[in-house]
Protein backbone atom coordinates (compact mmCIF):
# COMPACT_ATOMS: atom_id res chain seq x y z
CA MET A 1 0.08 0.04 0.12
CA THR A 2 1.46 3.44 -0.63
CA ARG A 3 1.55 6.29 1.57
CA PRO A 4 -0.78 9.17 1.27
CA PHE A 5 1.65 11.64 -0.29
CA GLU A 6 3.60 9.29 -2.41
CA GLY A 7 4.48 11.19 -5.80
CA ILE A 8 3.99 14.61 -4.02
CA ARG A 9 7.03 17.32 -4.15
CA ILE A 10 7.55 19.68 -1.25
CA ILE A 11 9.98 22.61 -1.50
CA ASP A 12 11.19 23.11 2.03
CA ALA A 13 12.39 26.64 2.31
CA THR A 14 11.84 26.82 5.99
CA HIS A 15 14.27 26.89 8.95
CA VAL A 16 14.42 26.21 12.94
CA LEU A 17 11.43 24.21 14.08
CA ALA A 18 7.85 24.75 12.83
CA GLY A 19 8.18 24.90 9.10
CA PRO A 20 10.76 21.98 9.08
CA PHE A 21 8.41 19.79 11.18
CA ALA A 22 5.62 20.50 8.77
CA ALA A 23 7.24 19.16 5.93
CA TYR A 24 8.83 16.34 7.84
CA GLN A 25 5.29 14.96 8.51
CA LEU A 26 4.46 15.00 4.81
CA GLY A 27 7.78 13.34 3.78
CA LEU A 28 7.10 10.28 6.83
CA LEU A 29 3.60 9.98 4.45
CA GLY A 30 5.75 9.68 1.20
CA ALA A 31 6.13 13.03 -0.22
CA GLU A 32 9.51 13.81 -1.78
CA VAL A 33 10.87 16.99 0.29
CA ILE A 34 13.81 18.97 -0.72
CA LYS A 35 14.77 21.21 1.64
CA VAL A 36 16.67 24.40 0.49
CA GLU A 37 19.26 26.43 2.52
CA HIS A 38 21.54 29.18 1.96
CA PRO A 39 25.16 27.50 1.29
CA ASP A 40 26.64 30.10 3.78
CA ASP A 41 23.97 30.58 6.18
CA PRO A 42 22.02 27.19 6.53
CA ASP A 43 19.22 26.62 9.13
CA GLN A 44 20.30 27.64 12.11
CA SER A 45 18.87 24.52 13.64
CA ARG A 46 22.00 22.75 12.37
CA GLY A 47 24.07 24.38 14.87
CA SER A 48 21.62 23.97 17.95
CA GLY A 49 21.32 21.40 20.56
CA PRO A 50 23.26 20.34 23.35
CA ASP A 51 25.95 18.08 21.39
CA TRP A 52 28.77 20.86 20.47
CA ASP A 53 30.56 18.68 17.96
CA LEU A 54 27.17 18.13 16.14
CA ASN A 55 26.38 21.69 16.02
CA ARG A 56 30.01 22.17 14.43
CA ALA A 57 29.24 19.58 12.01
CA GLY A 58 26.23 21.27 11.03
CA MET A 59 23.89 18.29 12.37
CA GLY A 60 22.85 19.82 15.45
CA THR A 61 20.24 17.64 17.50
CA TYR A 62 17.52 20.33 16.53
CA PHE A 63 17.79 19.54 12.97
CA LEU A 64 18.11 15.96 13.08
CA THR A 65 14.62 16.37 14.73
CA GLN A 66 12.97 17.34 11.78
CA GLY A 67 15.54 16.25 8.95
CA SER A 68 14.87 12.82 7.84
CA ASN A 69 13.23 11.85 4.64
CA LYS A 70 14.76 14.93 2.91
CA ARG A 71 16.99 15.74 0.37
CA SER A 72 19.37 18.79 0.87
CA LEU A 73 20.24 21.47 -1.59
CA THR A 74 21.87 24.81 -1.47
CA LEU A 75 20.76 27.78 -3.10
CA ASP A 76 21.87 31.67 -2.43
CA LEU A 77 18.47 33.18 -3.53
CA LYS A 78 20.01 36.57 -3.62
CA GLN A 79 21.57 35.59 -6.89
CA GLU A 80 19.48 35.19 -9.97
CA ALA A 81 21.22 32.11 -11.24
CA ALA A 82 19.92 30.42 -7.94
CA ARG A 83 16.63 31.75 -8.25
CA GLU A 84 16.46 30.17 -11.53
CA VAL A 85 17.11 26.82 -10.12
CA PHE A 86 14.29 27.89 -7.79
CA ARG A 87 12.02 28.31 -10.15
CA ARG A 88 12.52 25.24 -12.25
CA LEU A 89 11.99 23.28 -8.78
CA VAL A 90 8.66 25.09 -8.00
CA ALA A 91 7.66 24.65 -11.71
CA GLN A 92 7.41 20.79 -10.95
CA ALA A 93 6.56 20.88 -7.44
CA ASP A 94 3.24 20.64 -5.72
CA VAL A 95 3.97 22.56 -2.17
CA LEU A 96 6.50 25.42 -1.51
CA VAL A 97 6.91 26.04 2.26
CA GLU A 98 8.70 29.12 3.48
CA ASN A 99 8.90 31.07 6.80
CA TYR A 100 10.85 34.15 5.91
CA ARG A 101 9.76 37.45 7.08
CA PRO A 102 6.57 38.37 5.29
CA GLY A 103 7.43 40.08 2.07
CA ALA A 104 10.85 38.80 1.77
CA PHE A 105 10.28 36.08 -0.81
CA ALA A 106 7.97 38.35 -2.79
CA ALA A 107 11.11 41.01 -2.81
CA LEU A 108 13.04 38.29 -4.57
CA GLY A 109 10.42 37.58 -7.21
CA LEU A 110 9.69 34.34 -5.29
CA GLY A 111 6.26 35.51 -4.17
CA TYR A 112 3.08 33.72 -4.59
CA GLU A 113 1.51 35.42 -7.54
CA ALA A 114 4.95 35.09 -9.46
CA LEU A 115 5.17 31.26 -8.49
CA SER A 116 1.58 30.42 -9.17
CA ALA A 117 1.94 31.64 -12.45
CA LEU A 118 4.47 29.42 -13.20
CA ASN A 119 2.66 26.44 -11.56
CA THR A 120 -1.38 27.17 -11.43
CA ARG A 121 -1.76 23.93 -9.07
CA LEU A 122 1.10 25.11 -6.87
CA ILE A 123 0.05 25.09 -2.84
CA TYR A 124 2.29 27.86 -1.26
CA CYS A 125 2.21 28.07 2.49
CA SER A 126 3.74 30.99 3.98
CA ILE A 127 4.50 30.37 7.99
CA SER A 128 5.44 33.19 10.12
CA ALA A 129 5.14 34.54 13.67
CA PHE A 130 1.91 36.77 13.48
CA GLY A 131 1.12 36.50 9.86
CA GLN A 132 1.32 38.29 6.48
CA GLY A 133 -0.75 40.97 7.19
CA GLY A 134 -2.30 42.80 10.38
CA PRO A 135 -0.13 45.26 12.58
CA ARG A 136 2.12 42.96 13.60
CA GLY A 137 2.77 41.47 10.46
CA THR A 138 6.23 43.12 9.97
CA GLN A 139 7.58 41.69 13.35
CA THR A 140 9.91 38.35 14.11
CA ALA A 141 9.53 35.98 17.01
CA TYR A 142 10.24 32.81 17.92
CA ASP A 143 8.28 30.35 20.13
CA HIS A 144 9.07 31.78 23.47
CA VAL A 145 8.43 35.46 21.96
CA ILE A 146 4.85 33.89 21.14
CA GLN A 147 4.34 32.63 24.52
CA ALA A 148 4.88 35.82 26.01
CA THR A 149 2.69 37.73 23.39
CA SER A 150 -0.24 35.18 23.36
CA GLY A 151 -0.90 34.96 27.20
CA ILE A 152 0.25 31.41 27.26
CA MET A 153 3.13 32.48 29.77
CA ALA A 154 0.87 34.83 31.90
CA CYS A 155 -1.15 31.89 32.70
CA THR A 156 1.50 29.17 33.47
CA GLY A 157 2.98 28.67 36.95
CA THR A 158 1.44 29.29 40.02
CA PRO A 159 -0.19 32.55 41.68
CA GLU A 160 3.33 33.08 43.43
CA VAL A 161 5.58 32.26 40.49
CA ASN A 162 4.59 33.19 37.12
CA PRO A 163 4.73 34.15 34.17
CA LEU A 164 6.47 31.02 33.14
CA LYS A 165 7.75 29.81 29.82
CA LEU A 166 6.73 26.23 28.63
CA GLY A 167 9.42 23.72 29.10
CA ALA A 168 9.33 22.52 25.53
CA PRO A 169 8.90 24.01 22.27
CA ALA A 170 5.16 23.59 21.89
CA ILE A 171 4.28 26.26 19.74
CA ASP A 172 6.76 25.61 17.23
CA TYR A 173 5.76 21.96 17.13
CA ALA A 174 1.99 22.84 17.45
CA THR A 175 2.67 25.33 14.38
CA GLY A 176 4.22 22.63 12.38
CA THR A 177 1.45 19.94 12.89
CA MET A 178 -1.23 22.64 11.77
CA GLY A 179 1.07 23.18 8.73
CA ALA A 180 1.09 19.60 8.03
CA PHE A 181 -3.07 19.84 8.77
CA ALA A 182 -3.38 22.96 6.20
CA LEU A 183 -1.00 21.41 3.46
CA SER A 184 -2.99 18.20 3.64
CA ALA A 185 -6.48 19.88 3.33
CA ALA A 186 -5.04 22.05 0.42
CA LEU A 187 -3.91 18.89 -1.24
CA PHE A 188 -7.15 17.29 -0.92
CA GLN A 189 -9.09 20.36 -2.14
CA ARG A 190 -6.53 20.31 -5.14
CA GLU A 191 -7.69 16.83 -6.07
CA ARG A 192 -11.26 18.21 -6.41
CA THR A 193 -10.84 21.66 -8.30
CA GLY A 194 -7.30 21.39 -9.55
CA LYS A 195 -6.29 24.45 -8.18
CA GLY A 196 -3.45 25.47 -6.18
CA GLN A 197 -3.58 27.25 -2.73
CA ARG A 198 -2.15 30.28 -0.67
CA ILE A 199 -1.75 28.99 2.98
CA ASP A 200 -1.21 31.94 5.31
CA LEU A 201 0.00 30.57 8.65
CA ALA A 202 1.05 32.48 11.82
CA MET A 203 2.21 30.82 15.09
CA LEU A 204 0.36 33.46 17.23
CA ASP A 205 -2.74 32.24 15.68
CA VAL A 206 -1.60 28.55 16.58
CA ALA A 207 -0.74 29.60 20.28
CA MET A 208 -4.37 31.39 20.60
CA MET A 209 -5.81 28.15 18.99
CA MET A 210 -3.93 26.08 22.05
CA MET A 211 -5.99 28.39 24.61
CA ALA A 212 -8.98 27.82 22.78
CA SER A 213 -11.31 26.87 25.88
CA HIS A 214 -9.54 29.91 27.68
CA VAL A 215 -10.81 32.33 24.46
CA THR A 216 -14.17 31.22 24.98
CA ALA A 217 -14.52 31.21 28.45
CA HIS A 218 -12.97 34.93 28.44
CA SER A 219 -15.39 36.08 25.86
CA ARG A 220 -18.18 35.44 28.52
CA THR A 221 -16.34 36.32 31.59
CA GLY A 222 -13.83 38.96 30.37
CA ARG A 223 -11.57 37.70 32.80
CA PRO A 224 -8.25 36.04 31.74
CA ALA A 225 -6.93 32.63 32.61
CA ARG A 226 -5.20 32.39 35.72
CA PRO A 227 -1.81 30.53 36.72
CA ARG A 228 -2.98 27.31 38.67
CA GLY A 229 0.09 25.59 38.71
CA ASN A 230 -0.61 21.84 39.36
CA ASP A 231 -3.96 22.72 40.91
CA HIS A 232 -6.96 22.14 39.03
CA GLU A 233 -10.78 23.83 39.82
CA TYR A 234 -11.32 20.59 41.23
CA ALA A 235 -8.94 18.94 43.59
CA THR A 236 -9.53 15.49 42.28
CA ASN A 237 -7.91 16.61 39.23
CA SER A 238 -4.62 18.27 40.71
CA ALA A 239 -1.17 16.99 41.90
CA TYR A 240 -0.27 16.00 45.19
CA PRO A 241 3.23 14.78 46.85
CA THR A 242 3.26 11.18 47.85
CA LYS A 243 5.97 9.34 49.96
CA ASP A 244 8.82 9.98 47.11
CA GLY A 245 7.45 12.53 44.56
CA MET A 246 4.37 13.84 42.65
CA VAL A 247 1.11 11.88 41.54
CA MET A 248 -1.11 13.57 39.36
CA LEU A 249 -4.83 12.71 39.72
CA GLY A 250 -7.31 12.88 36.81
CA ALA A 251 -10.61 12.44 38.26
CA SER A 252 -12.19 14.95 36.23
CA ASN A 253 -15.78 14.48 35.67
CA LEU A 254 -18.25 13.51 38.33
CA ARG A 255 -18.18 9.49 37.48
CA GLN A 256 -14.57 9.34 38.18
CA GLN A 257 -14.38 11.53 41.08
CA LYS A 258 -17.31 9.04 42.45
CA ARG A 259 -14.80 6.33 42.02
CA LEU A 260 -11.73 7.93 43.38
CA TRP A 261 -13.21 8.84 46.69
CA ALA A 262 -14.83 4.91 46.84
CA ALA A 263 -11.38 3.83 46.27
CA LEU A 264 -9.88 6.04 48.53
CA GLY A 265 -12.27 4.67 51.39
CA ARG A 266 -14.18 8.08 51.74
CA PRO A 267 -17.20 7.59 49.97
CA GLU A 268 -19.08 10.48 51.79
CA MET A 269 -16.73 12.96 50.06
CA ALA A 270 -18.12 12.42 46.61
CA LYS A 271 -20.04 15.06 45.35
CA ALA A 272 -23.46 15.09 42.90
CA ARG A 273 -22.73 18.51 41.35
CA ASN A 274 -19.64 20.09 40.13
CA GLU A 275 -20.56 23.38 41.64
CA ASP A 276 -20.32 21.31 45.21
CA ARG A 277 -16.65 20.37 44.06
CA VAL A 278 -15.73 23.82 43.43
CA ALA A 279 -17.24 25.42 46.87
CA GLN A 280 -15.73 22.59 48.94
CA ARG A 281 -12.37 22.24 47.08
CA ASP A 282 -10.31 23.20 50.19
CA ALA A 283 -11.81 20.56 52.23
CA GLU A 284 -11.22 18.02 49.48
CA ALA A 285 -7.64 19.04 48.69
CA ALA A 286 -7.03 19.02 52.48
CA ALA A 287 -8.00 15.26 52.55
CA LEU A 288 -6.19 14.30 49.45
CA ARG A 289 -2.71 15.89 50.62
CA GLU A 290 -2.83 13.60 53.85
CA ILE A 291 -3.97 10.55 51.86
CA MET A 292 -1.52 10.88 49.09
CA LEU A 293 1.58 10.38 51.57
CA THR A 294 0.68 7.37 52.71
CA ARG A 295 1.80 5.70 49.37
CA THR A 296 4.22 6.34 46.72
CA ALA A 297 3.76 7.58 43.39
CA GLU A 298 4.12 4.57 41.34
CA GLU A 299 1.97 2.71 43.72
CA TRP A 300 -0.80 5.43 43.57
CA GLU A 301 -0.79 4.87 39.66
CA ALA A 302 -1.02 1.23 39.84
CA PHE A 303 -3.85 1.40 42.69
CA LEU A 304 -5.69 4.03 41.00
CA GLN A 305 -5.70 2.92 37.47
CA SER A 306 -6.70 -0.33 38.49
CA ARG A 307 -9.75 1.04 39.70
CA HIS A 308 -10.55 3.17 36.22
CA VAL A 309 -9.29 6.00 37.78
CA PRO A 310 -6.74 8.28 35.76
CA ALA A 311 -3.38 8.59 37.49
CA ALA A 312 0.06 9.32 36.75
CA ARG A 313 3.31 9.25 38.54
CA VAL A 314 4.93 12.56 37.76
CA ARG A 315 8.22 11.48 35.52
CA ARG A 316 11.20 13.15 33.89
CA MET A 317 11.39 13.15 30.15
CA ASP A 318 14.20 10.50 30.36
CA GLU A 319 11.91 8.30 32.55
CA ALA A 320 8.97 8.56 30.23
CA LEU A 321 10.69 7.49 27.33
CA ALA A 322 12.34 4.44 29.12
CA ASP A 323 8.64 3.63 29.28
CA PRO A 324 8.29 0.12 27.61
CA HIS A 325 4.74 1.46 26.18
CA LEU A 326 6.69 4.13 23.84
CA SER A 327 8.60 1.18 22.24
CA ALA A 328 5.72 -0.62 21.63
CA ARG A 329 3.94 2.46 19.85
CA GLY A 330 6.89 3.03 17.77
CA LEU A 331 7.10 6.76 18.62
CA THR A 332 11.04 7.00 17.59
CA HIS A 333 13.17 5.71 14.89
CA ARG A 334 16.62 4.91 16.06
CA PHE A 335 19.84 5.42 13.56
CA ALA A 336 22.97 3.47 14.26
CA ALA A 337 24.70 6.36 12.69
CA ALA A 338 24.30 8.70 9.62
CA PRO A 339 26.47 10.71 7.31
CA GLY A 340 27.76 13.36 9.26
CA VAL A 341 26.73 11.88 12.38
CA ASP A 342 29.27 9.56 14.16
CA GLY A 343 27.14 7.17 16.81
CA PRO A 344 23.53 6.52 17.20
CA PHE A 345 20.46 9.07 17.82
CA ALA A 346 16.68 8.79 17.66
CA VAL A 347 14.11 10.97 16.26
CA PRO A 348 10.40 10.93 16.52
CA VAL A 349 8.32 9.80 14.17
CA ALA A 350 4.60 10.62 13.90
CA ALA A 351 1.91 10.66 16.72
CA PHE A 352 -0.55 8.67 14.98
CA GLY A 353 -0.47 5.25 13.03
CA PHE A 354 -2.19 4.02 9.87
CA ALA A 355 -3.20 0.18 9.49
CA HIS A 356 -1.49 0.10 6.07
CA GLY A 357 0.96 2.69 4.36
CA GLY A 358 1.72 4.83 7.27
CA PRO A 359 4.30 7.21 8.38
CA ARG A 360 8.03 5.97 8.78
CA VAL A 361 11.45 7.26 8.53
CA ASP A 362 13.02 6.01 5.35
CA ALA A 363 16.34 8.12 5.05
CA PRO A 364 18.78 10.04 7.80
CA PRO A 365 18.93 13.97 7.62
CA ARG A 366 21.40 14.85 4.86
CA PRO A 367 24.62 16.84 5.50
CA LEU A 368 23.95 20.40 4.23
CA GLY A 369 23.86 20.53 0.38
CA ALA A 370 24.45 16.51 -0.02
CA ASP A 371 21.88 16.37 -2.68
CA THR A 372 22.72 19.55 -4.59
CA ASP A 373 24.48 18.30 -7.77
CA ALA A 374 21.82 15.07 -8.26
CA ILE A 375 19.08 17.54 -8.00
CA LEU A 376 20.66 20.02 -10.47
CA GLU A 377 21.24 17.25 -12.99
CA GLU A 378 17.61 16.57 -12.47
CA LEU A 379 16.56 19.76 -13.28
CA GLY A 380 18.59 19.55 -16.74
CA TYR A 381 21.72 21.26 -15.62
CA ASP A 382 24.73 19.55 -17.34
CA ALA A 383 28.31 19.18 -15.83
CA ALA A 384 29.39 22.67 -17.02
CA ALA A 385 26.45 24.67 -15.76
CA ARG A 386 26.82 23.20 -12.35
CA ALA A 387 30.13 24.21 -12.28
CA ALA A 388 29.26 27.75 -13.07
CA LEU A 389 26.87 27.74 -10.47
CA HIS A 390 29.27 26.26 -7.69
CA GLY A 391 31.81 28.68 -9.13
CA SER A 392 29.49 31.82 -8.45
CA ARG A 393 28.77 30.34 -5.04
CA ALA A 394 24.87 30.23 -6.37
CA VAL A 395 24.61 26.90 -4.92
């Protein structure tokens, strides 16, 4: 069974995390992805990560994370000869993804209007911090700056310690995932209409979608989301210290909180209405703090899960990755080594599986420009033309 996007060519002119992750997700599903970078100023993620040897080699772990299943082409798009290569690529492509400052590609003659004239079926996706228009359109940002702008930082932490940045670049990866969704939708739409599409995807918009329930609540109350730390509105849906760590309880609905209190031998604490749970939260929390100290977090997780009450020991990431469940799910792909990478490493694949023709890693991330000559030859550049491009540093 073929994968969904086999036969689709994607030009990935993006950098850092969000844009590359969007293209990566479609590459896992069979698309041919050609990553385009400047020969002297490549994707900054190549030099980012905790392994400085890899950073110096241009194969930093931030790059490795979403670099599999892609070919690498270098082009200096400030040179006309390189822009001509790019146009030839786009003429044969299905998708272009770029995440440069709004207007930058248009200034090079590579905007949507110019490129869609070459290829009316082209899906042109621009990913930016604030979108292609609006008062902030020309501003730039990264994940943590968007966290600050969106209100996510302000509602993260505790009443005493806030605002706090999320511990992972969640907005970058949420934007990449939303980008993959938008591209998939546009490709499906093109099958029906035969027409290409222009996609305007903003990190700030994604951040607001990540707070969707807070946005709707604010529209009714006028009050912003509060930083509640590990405490939920319901005491039975919060985190508590145990003998040896923290346990997060997830008895969210009325049925689950009834099961929790019965399992703890305190059935009289169960409430018939959520309003009563909120009104008596302090008393419930006090009881739970005392009870949770009687066992370890691991013991509570096993005990409560066996009684159909959501609960989990609070783990570090290394502990989570060591969980046999993740191995069974095939969440990561492990390489013994790769060109430019001495020794093993693992990369995330996808957060879903198919019964057939699903996402998979086929090839490791490529060193900068490793496929330049092969791609140029495919585009019709003979040896002399390729040498001229190299000589002028256009590639």
